[in-house]
Protein backbone atom coordinates (compact mmCIF):
# COMPACT_ATOMS: atom_id res chain seq x y z
CA MET A 1 -10.48 10.66 34.56
CA ARG A 2 -8.51 13.07 36.72
CA ILE A 3 -8.12 11.40 40.10
CA VAL A 4 -6.50 12.51 43.35
CA GLN A 5 -5.58 9.65 45.69
CA LEU A 6 -5.01 10.51 49.37
CA THR A 7 -3.12 7.81 51.27
CA PRO A 8 -1.56 7.93 54.77
CA GLY A 9 2.08 7.01 55.19
CA ALA A 10 3.17 4.56 57.86
CA GLY A 11 6.47 5.91 59.08
CA GLY A 12 8.95 3.52 57.54
CA MET A 13 6.69 0.49 58.06
CA TYR A 14 4.94 -1.33 55.23
CA CYS A 15 1.16 -1.15 55.51
CA GLY A 16 -1.56 -2.88 53.53
CA ASN A 17 -3.37 0.33 52.58
CA CYS A 18 -0.19 1.89 51.17
CA LEU A 19 0.67 -1.19 49.12
CA ARG A 20 -2.90 -1.58 47.84
CA ASP A 21 -3.27 2.08 46.84
CA ASN A 22 0.17 2.23 45.26
CA ALA A 23 -0.57 -0.83 43.11
CA ILE A 24 -3.99 0.45 42.01
CA VAL A 25 -2.65 3.93 41.18
CA ALA A 26 0.06 2.36 39.03
CA ALA A 27 -2.56 0.33 37.14
CA LEU A 28 -4.89 3.33 36.72
CA ARG A 29 -2.03 5.35 35.24
CA ARG A 30 -1.15 2.55 32.82
CA HIS A 31 -4.74 2.64 31.60
CA GLY A 32 -4.62 6.34 30.80
CA HIS A 33 -6.06 7.96 33.91
CA ASP A 34 -4.42 11.13 35.26
CA VAL A 35 -3.76 10.24 38.89
CA THR A 36 -2.10 12.45 41.50
CA MET A 37 -1.15 10.48 44.61
CA LEU A 38 -0.63 12.55 47.76
CA PRO A 39 0.74 11.12 51.03
CA LEU A 40 -0.82 12.25 54.31
CA TYR A 41 0.84 12.39 57.75
CA LEU A 42 4.09 10.67 56.72
CA PRO A 43 5.86 9.71 53.47
CA LEU A 44 4.73 6.42 51.97
CA THR A 45 6.81 3.28 52.40
CA THR A 46 6.20 0.85 49.56
CA ASP A 47 8.01 -2.21 48.26
CA GLU A 48 7.36 -1.21 44.63
CA PRO A 49 8.00 2.10 42.78
CA ASP A 50 6.40 4.88 44.86
CA GLN A 51 3.55 6.41 42.87
CA SER A 52 3.55 9.46 45.19
CA ALA A 53 7.19 10.31 44.43
CA GLY A 54 7.65 14.06 44.04
CA SER A 55 4.39 14.96 45.79
CA PRO A 56 4.40 16.97 49.03
CA VAL A 57 3.16 15.47 52.27
CA PHE A 58 -0.08 17.00 53.57
CA PHE A 59 -1.31 16.95 57.16
CA GLY A 60 2.31 16.30 58.11
CA GLY A 61 2.49 14.35 61.35
CA ILE A 62 4.59 16.92 63.21
CA ASN A 63 2.36 19.86 62.32
CA VAL A 64 -0.80 17.88 63.08
CA TYR A 65 0.52 16.93 66.53
CA LEU A 66 1.68 20.47 67.37
CA GLU A 67 -1.60 22.01 66.19
CA GLN A 68 -3.48 19.65 68.46
CA ARG A 69 -1.36 20.38 71.53
CA ILE A 70 -0.20 24.01 71.16
CA PRO A 71 -2.61 26.77 70.03
CA PHE A 72 0.04 29.09 68.55
CA ALA A 73 1.27 26.23 66.31
CA ARG A 74 -1.89 26.76 64.27
CA ARG A 75 -0.54 30.17 63.25
CA LEU A 76 3.02 29.24 62.31
CA PRO A 77 4.43 31.02 59.23
CA LYS A 78 4.16 29.00 56.04
CA TRP A 79 7.94 28.60 55.68
CA LEU A 80 8.18 26.94 59.10
CA HIS A 81 5.10 24.85 58.41
CA ARG A 82 6.70 23.58 55.20
CA LEU A 83 9.96 22.87 57.00
CA LEU A 84 8.15 20.65 59.51
CA ASP A 85 6.57 18.79 56.59
CA SER A 86 9.99 17.88 55.18
CA PRO A 87 9.89 14.21 54.11
CA ARG A 88 13.34 13.64 55.59
CA LEU A 89 12.26 15.00 58.98
CA LEU A 90 8.98 13.08 58.87
CA ARG A 91 10.78 9.82 58.09
CA TRP A 92 13.09 10.44 61.05
CA VAL A 93 10.20 10.71 63.51
CA GLY A 94 7.86 8.45 61.57
CA THR A 95 8.44 4.99 63.01
CA ALA A 96 7.50 5.99 66.55
CA ALA A 97 4.58 8.13 65.35
CA ALA A 98 3.11 5.36 63.19
CA GLN A 99 2.96 2.92 66.12
CA THR A 100 1.25 5.21 68.64
CA HIS A 101 -1.60 3.30 70.29
CA PRO A 102 -5.12 4.56 69.47
CA SER A 103 -5.91 5.03 73.17
CA LYS A 104 -3.43 7.93 73.23
CA VAL A 105 -4.78 9.86 70.25
CA GLY A 106 -8.52 10.10 70.89
CA ALA A 107 -8.76 13.89 70.94
CA LEU A 108 -6.54 14.15 67.87
CA THR A 109 -8.66 11.61 65.98
CA VAL A 110 -11.86 13.51 66.73
CA SER A 111 -10.27 16.80 65.68
CA MET A 112 -9.02 15.31 62.40
CA LEU A 113 -12.45 13.87 61.60
CA ARG A 114 -13.96 17.33 62.11
CA GLY A 115 -11.82 18.68 59.28
CA GLU A 116 -12.42 22.39 58.74
CA GLU A 117 -14.00 22.57 62.21
CA GLY A 118 -11.03 20.92 63.95
CA ARG A 119 -7.70 22.17 65.21
CA GLN A 120 -6.04 21.19 61.95
CA ALA A 121 -8.22 23.48 59.80
CA SER A 122 -5.11 25.14 58.37
CA GLU A 123 -4.06 21.74 56.98
CA VAL A 124 -7.37 21.52 55.12
CA ASP A 125 -6.73 25.01 53.73
CA ALA A 126 -3.25 24.00 52.55
CA LEU A 127 -4.57 20.92 50.73
CA VAL A 128 -7.36 22.87 49.02
CA GLU A 129 -4.95 25.65 48.02
CA TRP A 130 -2.44 23.18 46.54
CA LEU A 131 -5.10 21.36 44.55
CA PHE A 132 -6.43 24.65 43.15
CA GLN A 133 -2.90 25.42 41.93
CA HIS A 134 -1.83 21.99 40.68
CA GLN A 135 -4.96 19.89 40.03
CA PRO A 136 -7.85 22.38 40.05
CA HIS A 137 -10.62 20.19 38.66
CA PRO A 138 -10.19 16.56 39.72
CA ASP A 139 -13.10 14.35 38.77
CA VAL A 140 -12.61 12.12 41.80
CA ILE A 141 -10.86 12.53 45.14
CA SER A 142 -10.29 9.10 46.68
CA PHE A 143 -9.59 8.61 50.38
CA SER A 144 -7.61 5.51 51.37
CA ASN A 145 -9.68 5.01 54.53
CA ALA A 146 -12.54 6.69 56.33
CA LEU A 147 -10.37 8.11 59.12
CA LEU A 148 -9.08 10.64 56.56
CA ILE A 149 -12.56 12.00 55.83
CA GLY A 150 -12.07 15.39 57.55
CA PRO A 151 -11.19 17.47 54.44
CA ALA A 152 -13.88 15.87 52.25
CA ARG A 153 -16.62 18.43 52.93
CA ARG A 154 -14.44 21.37 51.85
CA LEU A 155 -13.02 19.51 48.88
CA LYS A 156 -16.44 18.52 47.61
CA SER A 157 -17.85 22.01 48.12
CA GLN A 158 -15.00 23.95 46.53
CA LEU A 159 -13.81 21.57 43.82
CA GLY A 160 -17.06 19.83 42.93
CA SER A 161 -15.31 16.46 42.86
CA VAL A 162 -16.76 13.03 43.49
CA ILE A 163 -15.66 11.96 46.97
CA ALA A 164 -14.83 8.25 47.20
CA VAL A 165 -13.83 6.53 50.44
CA THR A 166 -12.45 3.03 50.90
CA LEU A 167 -13.35 1.36 54.18
CA GLN A 168 -10.68 -0.85 55.74
CA GLY A 169 -9.76 -1.36 59.38
CA GLU A 170 -11.41 1.73 60.88
CA ASP A 171 -13.51 -0.20 63.40
CA CYS A 172 -10.58 -1.69 65.28
CA PHE A 173 -8.86 1.68 65.55
CA LEU A 174 -11.96 3.57 66.68
CA ASP A 175 -13.00 0.91 69.18
CA ALA A 176 -9.57 1.21 70.80
CA LEU A 177 -10.08 4.92 71.54
CA ALA A 178 -10.85 5.95 75.11
CA GLU A 179 -14.24 7.45 75.92
CA PRO A 180 -15.72 9.95 75.23
CA HIS A 181 -13.59 10.10 72.08
CA ARG A 182 -14.73 6.67 70.86
CA THR A 183 -18.41 7.64 70.82
CA ASP A 184 -17.68 11.09 69.40
CA ALA A 185 -15.51 9.69 66.61
CA TRP A 186 -18.09 7.12 65.49
CA LYS A 187 -20.80 9.81 65.48
CA ILE A 188 -18.75 12.27 63.43
CA LEU A 189 -17.65 9.53 61.03
CA ALA A 190 -21.25 8.52 60.35
CA GLU A 191 -22.23 12.15 59.72
CA ARG A 192 -19.31 12.81 57.37
CA LEU A 193 -19.64 9.57 55.42
CA ALA A 194 -23.29 10.38 54.72
CA GLU A 195 -22.00 13.25 52.57
CA VAL A 196 -19.68 11.24 50.30
CA ASP A 197 -20.55 9.94 46.84
CA LEU A 198 -19.00 6.47 46.89
CA LEU A 199 -18.08 3.96 49.58
CA ILE A 200 -15.92 0.95 48.73
CA SER A 201 -15.00 -2.08 50.85
CA PRO A 202 -12.50 -4.83 50.00
CA SER A 203 -14.89 -7.53 51.23
CA ARG A 204 -18.60 -8.08 51.71
CA TYR A 205 -17.87 -9.03 55.32
CA TYR A 206 -16.41 -5.62 56.08
CA ALA A 207 -19.05 -3.76 54.06
CA ASP A 208 -21.78 -5.40 56.14
CA ARG A 209 -19.89 -4.79 59.37
CA MET A 210 -19.38 -1.08 58.72
CA ALA A 211 -22.89 -0.61 57.36
CA GLU A 212 -24.24 -1.90 60.67
CA ARG A 213 -21.89 0.27 62.73
CA LEU A 214 -22.63 3.41 60.69
CA GLY A 215 -26.35 2.93 60.19
CA LEU A 216 -26.02 2.58 56.41
CA ALA A 217 -27.70 0.26 53.93
CA ALA A 218 -25.28 -2.57 53.16
CA GLU A 219 -25.99 -2.25 49.42
CA SER A 220 -24.76 1.36 49.52
CA ILE A 221 -21.19 0.06 49.94
CA GLN A 222 -19.56 -1.33 46.80
CA VAL A 223 -17.20 -4.31 47.13
CA VAL A 224 -13.88 -4.18 45.25
CA PRO A 225 -11.49 -6.94 46.36
CA ASN A 226 -7.90 -5.91 46.85
CA GLY A 227 -5.37 -6.84 44.19
CA ILE A 228 -1.59 -7.05 43.90
CA ASN A 229 0.80 -6.37 41.05
CA LEU A 230 1.72 -9.84 39.77
CA ALA A 231 5.07 -8.78 38.29
CA GLY A 232 7.79 -10.96 39.80
CA TRP A 233 5.39 -13.28 41.62
CA ARG A 234 5.77 -16.85 40.40
CA VAL A 235 5.17 -20.40 41.51
CA PRO A 236 8.46 -22.18 42.32
CA ASP A 237 9.45 -25.15 40.18
CA ALA A 238 9.67 -27.49 43.17
CA GLN A 239 8.61 -27.72 46.80
CA PRO A 240 11.23 -27.04 49.49
CA VAL A 241 13.27 -30.05 50.62
CA GLN A 242 12.04 -29.42 54.16
CA PRO A 243 8.41 -28.31 54.59
CA VAL A 244 8.09 -24.68 55.71
CA LEU A 245 5.19 -23.11 57.59
CA GLY A 246 5.13 -19.36 57.02
CA PHE A 247 3.70 -16.21 58.57
CA PHE A 248 3.89 -12.86 56.79
CA ALA A 249 2.24 -9.78 58.29
CA ARG A 250 3.06 -7.26 60.96
CA LEU A 251 4.81 -9.31 63.63
CA CYS A 252 2.38 -8.56 66.44
CA ALA A 253 -0.26 -10.10 68.69
CA GLU A 254 -3.18 -8.73 66.67
CA LYS A 255 -2.10 -10.75 63.65
CA GLY A 256 -2.06 -13.95 65.71
CA LEU A 257 1.66 -14.64 65.71
CA ASP A 258 1.43 -16.21 69.16
CA HIS A 259 -1.32 -18.58 67.96
CA LEU A 260 0.78 -19.69 65.02
CA VAL A 261 3.78 -20.31 67.26
CA ASP A 262 1.50 -22.36 69.52
CA ALA A 263 0.19 -24.34 66.54
CA TYR A 264 3.73 -24.95 65.29
CA CYS A 265 4.81 -26.31 68.68
CA ARG A 266 1.83 -28.68 68.71
CA ILE A 267 2.71 -29.99 65.24
CA ARG A 268 6.31 -30.62 66.27
CA GLN A 269 5.23 -32.34 69.49
CA ARG A 270 2.98 -34.77 67.59
CA GLY A 271 5.93 -35.72 65.40
CA ARG A 272 4.07 -36.45 62.17
CA ILE A 273 6.08 -33.76 60.36
CA PRO A 274 9.40 -34.01 62.21
CA ASN A 275 11.39 -31.68 59.96
CA LEU A 276 8.89 -28.79 59.72
CA ARG A 277 10.48 -25.35 59.74
CA LEU A 278 8.83 -22.04 60.69
CA HIS A 279 9.56 -18.81 58.80
CA LEU A 280 8.26 -15.58 60.35
CA GLY A 281 8.27 -12.51 58.11
CA GLY A 282 6.72 -9.06 58.01
CA GLY A 283 6.94 -5.61 59.51
CA LEU A 284 8.72 -5.33 62.85
CA GLY A 285 8.99 -2.03 64.70
CA PRO A 286 10.23 -1.15 68.19
CA SER A 287 6.84 -1.46 69.87
CA ASP A 288 6.43 -5.10 68.76
CA GLN A 289 9.94 -6.30 69.55
CA PRO A 290 9.19 -7.39 73.17
CA PHE A 291 6.26 -9.50 71.94
CA VAL A 292 8.35 -11.12 69.20
CA ARG A 293 11.13 -11.82 71.67
CA ALA A 294 8.61 -13.56 73.95
CA GLN A 295 7.64 -15.87 71.07
CA GLN A 296 11.29 -16.61 70.38
CA GLN A 297 11.84 -17.46 74.05
CA ARG A 298 8.93 -19.89 73.98
CA LEU A 299 10.39 -21.61 70.93
CA GLU A 300 13.73 -21.83 72.72
CA ARG A 301 12.08 -23.44 75.77
CA GLU A 302 10.29 -25.94 73.53
CA GLY A 303 13.55 -26.81 71.78
CA TRP A 304 12.54 -25.69 68.28
CA ALA A 305 14.44 -22.39 68.00
CA SER A 306 16.99 -23.80 65.55
CA GLN A 307 14.14 -24.63 63.15
CA VAL A 308 12.74 -21.08 63.14
CA GLU A 309 13.93 -18.08 61.11
CA LEU A 310 12.91 -14.43 61.42
CA PHE A 311 12.67 -12.23 58.29
CA PRO A 312 11.68 -8.69 59.36
CA ASN A 313 11.06 -5.70 57.09
CA LEU A 314 11.92 -7.32 53.76
CA ASP A 315 12.16 -5.41 50.50
CA HIS A 316 9.97 -6.46 47.58
CA ALA A 317 12.34 -8.95 45.93
CA SER A 318 13.20 -10.54 49.28
CA LYS A 319 9.51 -10.83 50.14
CA GLN A 320 8.81 -12.65 46.90
CA ALA A 321 11.71 -15.02 47.61
CA PHE A 322 10.34 -15.56 51.13
CA PHE A 323 6.98 -16.74 49.78
CA ARG A 324 8.58 -19.05 47.22
CA ARG A 325 10.23 -20.97 50.08
CA LEU A 326 6.93 -21.72 51.86
CA SER A 327 4.84 -24.89 51.86
CA VAL A 328 1.84 -23.29 53.58
CA LEU A 329 0.99 -19.85 55.01
CA SER A 330 -1.13 -18.95 58.02
CA VAL A 331 -1.80 -15.55 59.59
CA PRO A 332 -4.43 -16.31 62.27
CA ALA A 333 -5.38 -12.69 62.98
CA HIS A 334 -7.34 -12.20 66.20
CA TYR A 335 -9.37 -9.19 65.07
CA GLY A 336 -11.90 -8.65 62.28
CA GLU A 337 -9.52 -8.48 59.32
CA ALA A 338 -11.17 -6.65 56.42
CA PHE A 339 -9.05 -8.48 53.85
CA GLY A 340 -5.38 -9.51 54.13
CA LEU A 341 -2.99 -8.82 51.24
CA TYR A 342 -0.68 -11.56 52.51
CA LEU A 343 -3.23 -14.11 51.29
CA LEU A 344 -2.88 -12.79 47.75
CA GLU A 345 0.91 -12.89 47.99
CA ALA A 346 0.73 -16.53 49.05
CA MET A 347 -1.71 -17.34 46.24
CA ALA A 348 0.50 -15.61 43.69
CA SER A 349 3.31 -17.92 44.81
CA GLY A 350 1.17 -21.06 44.59
CA VAL A 351 1.22 -21.43 48.39
CA PRO A 352 -1.91 -22.81 50.11
CA VAL A 353 -3.27 -20.92 53.12
CA VAL A 354 -4.90 -21.93 56.40
CA GLN A 355 -6.93 -19.19 58.07
CA PRO A 356 -9.46 -18.90 60.92
CA ASP A 357 -13.10 -19.13 59.91
CA THR A 358 -13.83 -15.50 60.77
CA ALA A 359 -13.86 -11.98 59.35
CA ALA A 360 -13.10 -11.79 55.59
CA PHE A 361 -11.16 -15.07 55.47
CA PRO A 362 -14.03 -17.47 54.65
CA GLU A 363 -15.20 -15.13 51.89
CA ILE A 364 -11.76 -15.02 50.26
CA ILE A 365 -11.12 -18.75 50.62
CA GLU A 366 -14.57 -19.64 49.29
CA GLN A 367 -14.03 -17.45 46.22
CA SER A 368 -10.46 -18.59 45.60
CA GLN A 369 -10.54 -22.22 46.82
CA ALA A 370 -6.94 -21.57 47.88
CA GLY A 371 -6.95 -22.93 51.41
CA LEU A 372 -8.61 -24.40 54.47
CA LEU A 373 -10.41 -22.82 57.42
CA SER A 374 -9.85 -23.54 61.10
CA ARG A 375 -11.86 -22.73 64.21
CA PRO A 376 -11.12 -19.15 65.33
CA ASN A 377 -8.80 -18.65 68.31
CA ASP A 378 -8.07 -22.40 68.46
CA PRO A 379 -4.36 -23.22 67.99
CA GLU A 380 -5.08 -26.96 68.23
CA ASP A 381 -7.52 -26.94 65.33
CA LEU A 382 -5.22 -24.60 63.42
CA SER A 383 -2.37 -27.06 63.84
CA LEU A 384 -4.54 -29.94 62.58
CA ARG A 385 -5.61 -28.04 59.45
CA ILE A 386 -1.99 -27.11 58.71
CA GLU A 387 -1.04 -30.77 59.08
CA GLU A 388 -3.88 -31.73 56.76
CA VAL A 389 -2.34 -29.62 54.01
CA LEU A 390 1.24 -30.69 54.65
CA LEU A 391 0.45 -34.42 54.85
CA GLN A 392 -1.51 -34.44 51.58
CA PRO A 393 0.68 -33.24 48.69
CA ASP A 394 -2.16 -33.59 46.18
CA LEU A 395 -4.40 -31.36 48.30
CA ALA A 396 -1.63 -28.78 48.75
CA ALA A 397 -0.96 -28.73 45.00
CA ARG A 398 -4.66 -28.31 44.20
CA LEU A 399 -5.04 -25.43 46.66
CA GLY A 400 -1.90 -23.79 45.33
CA ARG A 401 -3.09 -23.98 41.72
CA ALA A 402 -6.49 -22.58 42.67
CA GLY A 403 -4.86 -19.67 44.47
CA ARG A 404 -2.65 -18.78 41.54
CA ASN A 405 -5.63 -18.95 39.20
CA ALA A 406 -7.61 -16.67 41.54
CA VAL A 407 -5.01 -13.90 41.60
CA GLU A 408 -4.55 -14.08 37.83
CA LYS A 409 -8.29 -13.69 37.24
CA ARG A 410 -9.62 -11.71 40.21
CA TYR A 411 -7.17 -10.55 42.87
CA ASN A 412 -4.69 -8.44 40.89
CA ASN A 413 -4.19 -4.69 40.69
CA VAL A 414 -5.34 -4.48 37.07
CA ALA A 415 -8.69 -6.09 37.91
CA ALA A 416 -9.03 -3.92 41.03
CA ALA A 417 -8.22 -0.76 39.06
CA HIS A 418 -10.85 -1.61 36.42
CA ARG A 419 -13.50 -2.13 39.10
CA VAL A 420 -12.53 1.05 40.95
CA ALA A 421 -12.56 3.08 37.71
CA ASP A 422 -16.01 1.72 36.82
CA HIS A 423 -17.39 2.80 40.21
CA PHE A 424 -15.68 6.19 39.91
CA ALA A 425 -17.23 6.72 36.47
CA ALA A 426 -20.70 5.76 37.68
CA ALA A 427 -20.45 8.09 40.68
CA LEU A 428 -19.14 10.87 38.44
CA ALA A 429 -22.06 10.47 36.04
CA THR A 430 -24.47 10.78 38.96
CA ARG A 431 -22.57 13.72 40.43
CA ARG A 432 -22.71 15.69 37.17
CA THR A 433 -26.51 15.66 37.28
CA GLN A 434 -26.47 17.35 40.69
CA PRO A 435 -25.72 20.99 41.54
CA VAL A 436 -22.54 21.70 43.49
CA SER A 437 -23.45 22.91 46.98
CA ALA A 438 -22.04 26.20 48.18
């Protein structure tokens, strides 16, 4: 199949959608599919070879912002438009842009969802024109998340392609918009998604959640669990001399870093694991630094700071080494996490996980048997479940083996690519029996 993958960049920060899409595109290419990966807004930041390398950035963040705020920016000459889409320039401004709070971009979000009817209509034109020149007849155009849906109507009409959309994390973003933009965005999203050919979710939990929010039948959303590239991921030969509790995700409140710090302090205060260390890794940008510093100050007050290490913004090899040093991982996210690639990275390293019994976590742990569940938003119960793993080496070993087995059989990019390709092919077969609308 000829596939176009549209994925938003994250301004120098690693993001789950980028890593997932990059891994699946690599696997699809290895299996003979012709895949063009195009970054939107900002260049992609990945910790593996960038599958979008050499592709231009569309809907460049600077142009999109100017077109929203300044009417004449919508009529800039093409040479200036291309200059503002320079990857080097976009990377320079990208970190701040990627961490803008949703409450500040309500009008822009609504305009982007409106696509050819929004203020960024010229960006839709540019994408369609480029595809006509470079990939004129893609079988499938795949959108990394539903917030990118704006161009889909034009692309489907003019190229006749299957439109596939992966759902992941849209609800939290949209619910953080200020009114009236929140209501408008949900309404437009529901209207636009009704026009697509294929909806995919990484978990049944999130499929059901979005089906309810969008007024869709739950069975209309296909579930394809995320998968990682297993190259370089291995189970260490021996456990660390000192037990290590790990966290690896964006270092922010939404991912529950404060709850894990609280749980760690409780474990140390009880004294049953007196030498427990805490390793905190993941993406750290300027907007989250005050929050992280507050957690460090708490650990200093409690007297445990010397037992805690911070590992921000690791490259791929360093991330794999980080996981191999862990005894157990926990990322007690506060919000409705649609999946959580960090769980797969722990499993690939033979590391058991402890997660709150909410969102997609019970589904993943039930299917993998790779960890334990704790009561949501309860640092005390979280600390007890972490202790349960650390104080029972046989249990920890069994959970670790189950996790590794799960990623080898189910949660890898090859398996995910096969499932995605099967759904693409089925949607394409259906699409070919229908006339292309004008």
